[in-house]
Amino acid sequence: MLAHEEERVYIDSRRHGVVLVKPLARAGALAALGIGALVLGWPFALPGAVLLVVAAGLALVAVWRWDRTHVVLTADKLFVVHGTLRRRAAAVRLSRVGAVELEQSLAGRLLRYGTIVAGDLEIDCVPEPREMLGLVQRLGG
């Protein structure tokens, strides 16, 4: 996604860990059901084991997706890259961005994450969004 190797990267980070809360909560609920079924014994043991495997798979996929998604700010553009086998990116050139917005909930302010809106690009759960907003505004004009 870099235009040339000399392009300076100011920020290259993952999205905030708060994106893992919902999928890991779902996986935890399925795991609890699986453990409960295993405790009940036969004939519930097999479905319980299946639920545990599904829960582990859901948790693994969620963490994998989080790990493979990066928010990158260079001197020329802001972009988000995601995917493993098929890498995809959405980018916006800083020179073409007019207004840059920051949206933060109360939880976002407390945990230091937010949504950055730069032109057509909206990136949610950005860690340290005030720092990124300041850099985008300074580099964009």
N, C-alpha and C. Protein backbone atom coordinates (compact mmCIF):
# COMPACT_ATOMS: atom_id res chain seq x y z
N MET A 1 0.81 -1.19 0.00
CA MET A 1 0.00 0.00 0.00
C MET A 1 0.86 1.25 0.00
N LEU A 2 2.11 1.14 0.40
CA LEU A 2 2.99 2.29 0.37
C LEU A 2 3.33 2.62 -1.08
N ALA A 3 3.36 3.91 -1.40
CA ALA A 3 3.68 4.35 -2.76
C ALA A 3 5.14 4.06 -3.08
N HIS A 4 6.01 4.28 -2.15
CA HIS A 4 7.43 3.99 -2.32
C HIS A 4 8.01 3.67 -0.96
N GLU A 5 9.14 3.00 -0.97
CA GLU A 5 9.72 2.52 0.28
C GLU A 5 10.17 3.64 1.20
N GLU A 6 10.44 4.82 0.64
CA GLU A 6 10.91 5.93 1.47
C GLU A 6 9.76 6.64 2.18
N GLU A 7 8.53 6.28 1.85
CA GLU A 7 7.38 6.94 2.47
C GLU A 7 7.41 6.71 3.97
N ARG A 8 7.34 7.78 4.73
CA ARG A 8 7.45 7.69 6.18
C ARG A 8 6.13 7.23 6.80
N VAL A 9 6.21 6.24 7.66
CA VAL A 9 5.05 5.72 8.38
C VAL A 9 5.05 6.35 9.76
N TYR A 10 3.98 7.09 10.06
CA TYR A 10 3.87 7.74 11.36
C TYR A 10 3.21 6.83 12.39
N ILE A 11 2.15 6.13 11.97
CA ILE A 11 1.44 5.22 12.88
C ILE A 11 1.13 3.95 12.12
N ASP A 12 1.40 2.82 12.74
CA ASP A 12 1.01 1.50 12.22
C ASP A 12 0.57 0.70 13.44
N SER A 13 -0.75 0.64 13.65
CA SER A 13 -1.24 -0.03 14.86
C SER A 13 -2.46 -0.88 14.55
N ARG A 14 -2.74 -1.78 15.47
CA ARG A 14 -3.97 -2.57 15.38
C ARG A 14 -5.11 -1.72 15.92
N ARG A 15 -6.34 -2.16 15.61
CA ARG A 15 -7.48 -1.49 16.22
C ARG A 15 -7.46 -1.78 17.72
N HIS A 16 -8.19 -1.00 18.47
CA HIS A 16 -8.22 -1.15 19.93
C HIS A 16 -8.76 -2.54 20.29
N GLY A 17 -8.28 -3.09 21.36
CA GLY A 17 -8.69 -4.42 21.81
C GLY A 17 -10.16 -4.53 22.17
N VAL A 18 -10.86 -3.42 22.29
CA VAL A 18 -12.28 -3.45 22.61
C VAL A 18 -13.08 -4.16 21.51
N VAL A 19 -12.55 -4.24 20.30
CA VAL A 19 -13.26 -4.95 19.22
C VAL A 19 -13.38 -6.44 19.51
N LEU A 20 -12.59 -6.94 20.44
CA LEU A 20 -12.63 -8.36 20.78
C LEU A 20 -13.68 -8.71 21.84
N VAL A 21 -14.27 -7.72 22.47
CA VAL A 21 -15.18 -7.97 23.58
C VAL A 21 -16.39 -8.81 23.15
N LYS A 22 -17.10 -8.39 22.10
CA LYS A 22 -18.30 -9.12 21.69
C LYS A 22 -18.00 -10.53 21.20
N PRO A 23 -17.03 -10.72 20.28
CA PRO A 23 -16.79 -12.10 19.83
C PRO A 23 -16.26 -13.01 20.93
N LEU A 24 -15.44 -12.47 21.83
CA LEU A 24 -14.94 -13.32 22.91
C LEU A 24 -16.03 -13.61 23.94
N ALA A 25 -16.98 -12.68 24.12
CA ALA A 25 -18.11 -12.94 25.01
C ALA A 25 -18.99 -14.04 24.43
N ARG A 26 -19.23 -13.99 23.11
CA ARG A 26 -20.00 -15.07 22.47
C ARG A 26 -19.30 -16.41 22.63
N ALA A 27 -17.99 -16.41 22.39
CA ALA A 27 -17.22 -17.65 22.52
C ALA A 27 -17.26 -18.14 23.97
N GLY A 28 -17.17 -17.23 24.92
CA GLY A 28 -17.26 -17.63 26.34
C GLY A 28 -18.60 -18.21 26.70
N ALA A 29 -19.68 -17.64 26.14
CA ALA A 29 -21.02 -18.18 26.41
C ALA A 29 -21.16 -19.59 25.83
N LEU A 30 -20.67 -19.78 24.61
CA LEU A 30 -20.73 -21.12 24.02
C LEU A 30 -19.88 -22.11 24.82
N ALA A 31 -18.72 -21.66 25.28
CA ALA A 31 -17.86 -22.54 26.08
C ALA A 31 -18.54 -22.91 27.39
N ALA A 32 -19.23 -21.95 28.01
CA ALA A 32 -19.95 -22.25 29.26
C ALA A 32 -21.05 -23.27 29.02
N LEU A 33 -21.77 -23.11 27.91
CA LEU A 33 -22.80 -24.12 27.57
C LEU A 33 -22.16 -25.49 27.33
N GLY A 34 -21.02 -25.48 26.65
CA GLY A 34 -20.33 -26.74 26.39
C GLY A 34 -19.86 -27.42 27.65
N ILE A 35 -19.33 -26.64 28.58
CA ILE A 35 -18.87 -27.20 29.85
C ILE A 35 -20.06 -27.74 30.64
N GLY A 36 -21.16 -26.97 30.63
CA GLY A 36 -22.36 -27.44 31.32
C GLY A 36 -22.86 -28.76 30.75
N ALA A 37 -22.83 -28.88 29.42
CA ALA A 37 -23.26 -30.13 28.79
C ALA A 37 -22.31 -31.27 29.14
N LEU A 38 -21.01 -30.99 29.19
CA LEU A 38 -20.06 -32.04 29.56
C LEU A 38 -20.27 -32.52 30.99
N VAL A 39 -20.62 -31.59 31.87
CA VAL A 39 -20.86 -31.95 33.27
C VAL A 39 -22.09 -32.85 33.41
N LEU A 40 -23.08 -32.61 32.56
CA LEU A 40 -24.29 -33.44 32.61
C LEU A 40 -24.03 -34.87 32.18
N GLY A 41 -22.96 -35.09 31.43
CA GLY A 41 -22.60 -36.44 31.02
C GLY A 41 -23.38 -36.91 29.81
N TRP A 42 -23.35 -38.23 29.61
CA TRP A 42 -24.00 -38.82 28.44
C TRP A 42 -25.49 -38.57 28.48
N PRO A 43 -26.17 -38.22 27.47
CA PRO A 43 -25.88 -38.06 26.04
C PRO A 43 -25.50 -36.63 25.67
N PHE A 44 -25.26 -35.77 26.66
CA PHE A 44 -24.96 -34.36 26.38
C PHE A 44 -23.47 -34.10 26.18
N ALA A 45 -22.63 -35.08 26.45
CA ALA A 45 -21.18 -34.88 26.38
C ALA A 45 -20.71 -34.56 24.97
N LEU A 46 -21.22 -35.25 23.99
CA LEU A 46 -20.78 -35.00 22.62
C LEU A 46 -21.17 -33.60 22.13
N PRO A 47 -22.43 -33.18 22.29
CA PRO A 47 -22.75 -31.79 21.91
C PRO A 47 -21.94 -30.77 22.71
N GLY A 48 -21.65 -31.07 23.96
CA GLY A 48 -20.84 -30.17 24.78
C GLY A 48 -19.44 -30.02 24.22
N ALA A 49 -18.85 -31.14 23.81
CA ALA A 49 -17.52 -31.09 23.21
C ALA A 49 -17.53 -30.29 21.90
N VAL A 50 -18.59 -30.46 21.12
CA VAL A 50 -18.72 -29.71 19.86
C VAL A 50 -18.83 -28.21 20.16
N LEU A 51 -19.61 -27.86 21.16
CA LEU A 51 -19.73 -26.44 21.54
C LEU A 51 -18.39 -25.86 21.98
N LEU A 52 -17.60 -26.63 22.69
CA LEU A 52 -16.28 -26.16 23.11
C LEU A 52 -15.36 -25.93 21.90
N VAL A 53 -15.41 -26.82 20.94
CA VAL A 53 -14.59 -26.66 19.74
C VAL A 53 -15.04 -25.44 18.94
N VAL A 54 -16.35 -25.25 18.80
CA VAL A 54 -16.88 -24.08 18.09
C VAL A 54 -16.48 -22.79 18.81
N ALA A 55 -16.57 -22.78 20.13
CA ALA A 55 -16.19 -21.60 20.92
C ALA A 55 -14.71 -21.28 20.72
N ALA A 56 -13.87 -22.29 20.74
CA ALA A 56 -12.44 -22.07 20.53
C ALA A 56 -12.19 -21.53 19.12
N GLY A 57 -12.90 -22.06 18.14
CA GLY A 57 -12.76 -21.58 16.77
C GLY A 57 -13.18 -20.13 16.62
N LEU A 58 -14.31 -19.76 17.24
CA LEU A 58 -14.78 -18.37 17.18
C LEU A 58 -13.77 -17.41 17.82
N ALA A 59 -13.23 -17.81 18.96
CA ALA A 59 -12.25 -16.97 19.64
C ALA A 59 -10.98 -16.82 18.79
N LEU A 60 -10.53 -17.92 18.21
CA LEU A 60 -9.33 -17.88 17.38
C LEU A 60 -9.52 -16.98 16.16
N VAL A 61 -10.67 -17.09 15.49
CA VAL A 61 -10.95 -16.27 14.32
C VAL A 61 -11.00 -14.79 14.70
N ALA A 62 -11.64 -14.47 15.81
CA ALA A 62 -11.75 -13.08 16.24
C ALA A 62 -10.38 -12.48 16.51
N VAL A 63 -9.53 -13.19 17.22
CA VAL A 63 -8.20 -12.69 17.54
C VAL A 63 -7.35 -12.61 16.26
N TRP A 64 -7.50 -13.57 15.37
CA TRP A 64 -6.75 -13.56 14.11
C TRP A 64 -7.12 -12.33 13.28
N ARG A 65 -8.42 -12.05 13.15
CA ARG A 65 -8.86 -10.88 12.39
C ARG A 65 -8.36 -9.59 13.02
N TRP A 66 -8.40 -9.51 14.34
CA TRP A 66 -7.91 -8.33 15.04
C TRP A 66 -6.41 -8.16 14.77
N ASP A 67 -5.67 -9.25 14.83
CA ASP A 67 -4.23 -9.19 14.63
C ASP A 67 -3.86 -8.81 13.20
N ARG A 68 -4.67 -9.19 12.23
CA ARG A 68 -4.36 -8.95 10.82
C ARG A 68 -4.93 -7.65 10.29
N THR A 69 -5.55 -6.83 11.13
CA THR A 69 -6.09 -5.54 10.71
C THR A 69 -5.21 -4.43 11.27
N HIS A 70 -4.71 -3.58 10.39
CA HIS A 70 -3.84 -2.49 10.80
C HIS A 70 -4.35 -1.15 10.29
N VAL A 71 -4.22 -0.15 11.13
CA VAL A 71 -4.50 1.23 10.76
C VAL A 71 -3.14 1.89 10.56
N VAL A 72 -2.93 2.45 9.37
CA VAL A 72 -1.63 2.99 9.02
C VAL A 72 -1.78 4.45 8.59
N LEU A 73 -0.93 5.28 9.12
CA LEU A 73 -0.88 6.69 8.73
C LEU A 73 0.53 6.98 8.22
N THR A 74 0.62 7.39 6.95
CA THR A 74 1.89 7.78 6.37
C THR A 74 1.87 9.28 6.12
N ALA A 75 2.94 9.78 5.57
CA ALA A 75 3.00 11.21 5.26
C ALA A 75 2.02 11.58 4.17
N ASP A 76 1.57 10.61 3.38
CA ASP A 76 0.71 10.88 2.24
C ASP A 76 -0.73 10.41 2.40
N LYS A 77 -0.97 9.35 3.17
CA LYS A 77 -2.32 8.79 3.24
C LYS A 77 -2.61 8.10 4.57
N LEU A 78 -3.91 7.90 4.79
CA LEU A 78 -4.42 7.16 5.94
C LEU A 78 -5.14 5.96 5.37
N PHE A 79 -4.84 4.77 5.87
CA PHE A 79 -5.52 3.59 5.36
C PHE A 79 -5.64 2.52 6.41
N VAL A 80 -6.57 1.61 6.16
CA VAL A 80 -6.77 0.43 6.99
C VAL A 80 -6.58 -0.78 6.09
N VAL A 81 -5.78 -1.73 6.56
CA VAL A 81 -5.47 -2.93 5.80
C VAL A 81 -5.96 -4.12 6.61
N HIS A 82 -6.66 -5.05 5.93
CA HIS A 82 -7.14 -6.22 6.64
C HIS A 82 -7.13 -7.43 5.71
N GLY A 83 -7.16 -8.60 6.31
CA GLY A 83 -7.17 -9.85 5.55
C GLY A 83 -5.87 -10.61 5.71
N THR A 84 -5.94 -11.90 5.38
CA THR A 84 -4.77 -12.75 5.47
C THR A 84 -4.38 -13.25 4.08
N LEU A 85 -5.22 -14.06 3.50
CA LEU A 85 -4.93 -14.57 2.17
C LEU A 85 -5.16 -13.50 1.11
N ARG A 86 -6.22 -12.77 1.26
CA ARG A 86 -6.53 -11.69 0.34
C ARG A 86 -6.48 -10.38 1.12
N ARG A 87 -5.36 -9.69 1.02
CA ARG A 87 -5.19 -8.42 1.73
C ARG A 87 -5.98 -7.34 1.03
N ARG A 88 -6.78 -6.63 1.78
CA ARG A 88 -7.56 -5.53 1.24
C ARG A 88 -7.24 -4.27 2.02
N ALA A 89 -7.33 -3.15 1.32
CA ALA A 89 -7.04 -1.88 1.97
C ALA A 89 -8.03 -0.83 1.49
N ALA A 90 -8.37 0.06 2.40
CA ALA A 90 -9.18 1.24 2.08
C ALA A 90 -8.33 2.42 2.49
N ALA A 91 -8.16 3.36 1.57
CA ALA A 91 -7.25 4.47 1.83
C ALA A 91 -7.85 5.79 1.42
N VAL A 92 -7.30 6.84 1.99
CA VAL A 92 -7.66 8.20 1.60
C VAL A 92 -6.37 9.02 1.60
N ARG A 93 -6.17 9.78 0.55
CA ARG A 93 -5.00 10.66 0.47
C ARG A 93 -5.24 11.88 1.36
N LEU A 94 -4.27 12.21 2.18
CA LEU A 94 -4.42 13.31 3.13
C LEU A 94 -4.58 14.65 2.42
N SER A 95 -3.98 14.78 1.25
CA SER A 95 -4.10 16.06 0.52
C SER A 95 -5.51 16.31 0.02
N ARG A 96 -6.32 15.25 -0.10
CA ARG A 96 -7.69 15.38 -0.62
C ARG A 96 -8.74 15.38 0.48
N VAL A 97 -8.32 15.20 1.71
CA VAL A 97 -9.26 15.14 2.82
C VAL A 97 -9.56 16.56 3.28
N GLY A 98 -10.84 16.88 3.36
CA GLY A 98 -11.23 18.18 3.89
C GLY A 98 -11.27 18.13 5.40
N ALA A 99 -12.44 17.86 5.92
CA ALA A 99 -12.62 17.79 7.37
C ALA A 99 -12.31 16.38 7.87
N VAL A 100 -11.70 16.34 9.03
CA VAL A 100 -11.42 15.07 9.71
C VAL A 100 -12.17 15.12 11.03
N GLU A 101 -12.94 14.06 11.31
CA GLU A 101 -13.77 14.05 12.51
C GLU A 101 -13.34 12.93 13.45
N LEU A 102 -13.58 13.17 14.71
CA LEU A 102 -13.36 12.17 15.75
C LEU A 102 -14.67 11.96 16.49
N GLU A 103 -15.11 10.72 16.57
CA GLU A 103 -16.31 10.37 17.34
C GLU A 103 -15.88 9.47 18.48
N GLN A 104 -16.28 9.84 19.71
CA GLN A 104 -15.94 9.05 20.88
C GLN A 104 -17.12 8.98 21.83
N SER A 105 -17.40 7.79 22.29
CA SER A 105 -18.41 7.61 23.33
C SER A 105 -17.73 7.84 24.68
N LEU A 106 -18.52 7.77 25.74
CA LEU A 106 -17.94 7.88 27.08
C LEU A 106 -16.94 6.74 27.31
N ALA A 107 -17.33 5.53 26.95
CA ALA A 107 -16.42 4.39 27.09
C ALA A 107 -15.16 4.61 26.25
N GLY A 108 -15.33 5.17 25.07
CA GLY A 108 -14.18 5.44 24.21
C GLY A 108 -13.22 6.45 24.82
N ARG A 109 -13.78 7.47 25.47
CA ARG A 109 -12.91 8.45 26.13
C ARG A 109 -12.19 7.83 27.32
N LEU A 110 -12.89 6.98 28.06
CA LEU A 110 -12.26 6.34 29.22
C LEU A 110 -11.19 5.33 28.81
N LEU A 111 -11.47 4.56 27.76
CA LEU A 111 -10.54 3.51 27.32
C LEU A 111 -9.62 3.96 26.19
N ARG A 112 -9.76 5.21 25.76
CA ARG A 112 -8.91 5.84 24.75
C ARG A 112 -8.99 5.14 23.39
N TYR A 113 -10.22 5.08 22.86
CA TYR A 113 -10.42 4.64 21.49
C TYR A 113 -11.55 5.47 20.90
N GLY A 114 -11.64 5.49 19.58
CA GLY A 114 -12.68 6.27 18.93
C GLY A 114 -12.74 5.96 17.45
N THR A 115 -13.64 6.65 16.76
CA THR A 115 -13.82 6.49 15.32
C THR A 115 -13.28 7.73 14.62
N ILE A 116 -12.41 7.50 13.66
CA ILE A 116 -11.85 8.58 12.84
C ILE A 116 -12.58 8.57 11.50
N VAL A 117 -13.11 9.72 11.10
CA VAL A 117 -13.77 9.87 9.81
C VAL A 117 -12.96 10.88 9.01
N ALA A 118 -12.32 10.40 7.94
CA ALA A 118 -11.50 11.25 7.07
C ALA A 118 -11.99 11.06 5.64
N GLY A 119 -12.75 12.04 5.17
CA GLY A 119 -13.33 11.90 3.83
C GLY A 119 -14.32 10.76 3.79
N ASP A 120 -14.13 9.84 2.85
CA ASP A 120 -15.01 8.67 2.73
C ASP A 120 -14.59 7.52 3.63
N LEU A 121 -13.46 7.64 4.29
CA LEU A 121 -12.93 6.56 5.11
C LEU A 121 -13.36 6.73 6.56
N GLU A 122 -13.98 5.70 7.11
CA GLU A 122 -14.38 5.70 8.52
C GLU A 122 -13.75 4.48 9.18
N ILE A 123 -12.92 4.72 10.17
CA ILE A 123 -12.22 3.64 10.87
C ILE A 123 -12.65 3.68 12.32
N ASP A 124 -13.28 2.59 12.77
CA ASP A 124 -13.75 2.56 14.16
C ASP A 124 -12.74 1.86 15.06
N CYS A 125 -12.86 2.11 16.33
CA CYS A 125 -12.01 1.53 17.38
C CYS A 125 -10.53 1.79 17.15
N VAL A 126 -10.21 3.03 16.82
CA VAL A 126 -8.81 3.44 16.63
C VAL A 126 -8.23 3.75 18.00
N PRO A 127 -7.09 3.13 18.34
CA PRO A 127 -6.47 3.46 19.63
C PRO A 127 -5.84 4.84 19.58
N GLU A 128 -5.86 5.54 20.68
CA GLU A 128 -5.30 6.90 20.78
C GLU A 128 -5.77 7.78 19.63
N PRO A 129 -7.08 7.96 19.48
CA PRO A 129 -7.59 8.68 18.31
C PRO A 129 -7.24 10.16 18.29
N ARG A 130 -7.06 10.78 19.44
CA ARG A 130 -6.71 12.21 19.45
C ARG A 130 -5.32 12.42 18.83
N GLU A 131 -4.41 11.52 19.14
CA GLU A 131 -3.07 11.60 18.55
C GLU A 131 -3.16 11.45 17.03
N MET A 132 -3.92 10.47 16.57
CA MET A 132 -4.06 10.25 15.14
C MET A 132 -4.75 11.43 14.47
N LEU A 133 -5.80 11.96 15.10
CA LEU A 133 -6.51 13.11 14.54
C LEU A 133 -5.55 14.29 14.38
N GLY A 134 -4.75 14.57 15.39
CA GLY A 134 -3.80 15.66 15.31
C GLY A 134 -2.79 15.47 14.19
N LEU A 135 -2.28 14.24 14.04
CA LEU A 135 -1.33 13.97 12.98
C LEU A 135 -1.96 14.10 11.60
N VAL A 136 -3.18 13.56 11.45
CA VAL A 136 -3.87 13.66 10.16
C VAL A 136 -4.10 15.11 9.79
N GLN A 137 -4.54 15.91 10.74
CA GLN A 137 -4.78 17.33 10.46
C GLN A 137 -3.49 18.06 10.13
N ARG A 138 -2.42 17.75 10.84
CA ARG A 138 -1.14 18.41 10.59
C ARG A 138 -0.56 17.99 9.24
N LEU A 139 -0.62 16.69 8.91
CA LEU A 139 -0.05 16.21 7.65
C LEU A 139 -0.92 16.57 6.45
N GLY A 140 -2.23 16.71 6.67
CA GLY A 140 -3.14 17.00 5.58
C GLY A 140 -3.15 18.45 5.14
N GLY A 141 -2.66 19.30 5.92
CA GLY A 141 -2.69 20.69 5.46
C GLY A 141 -2.44 21.61 6.58
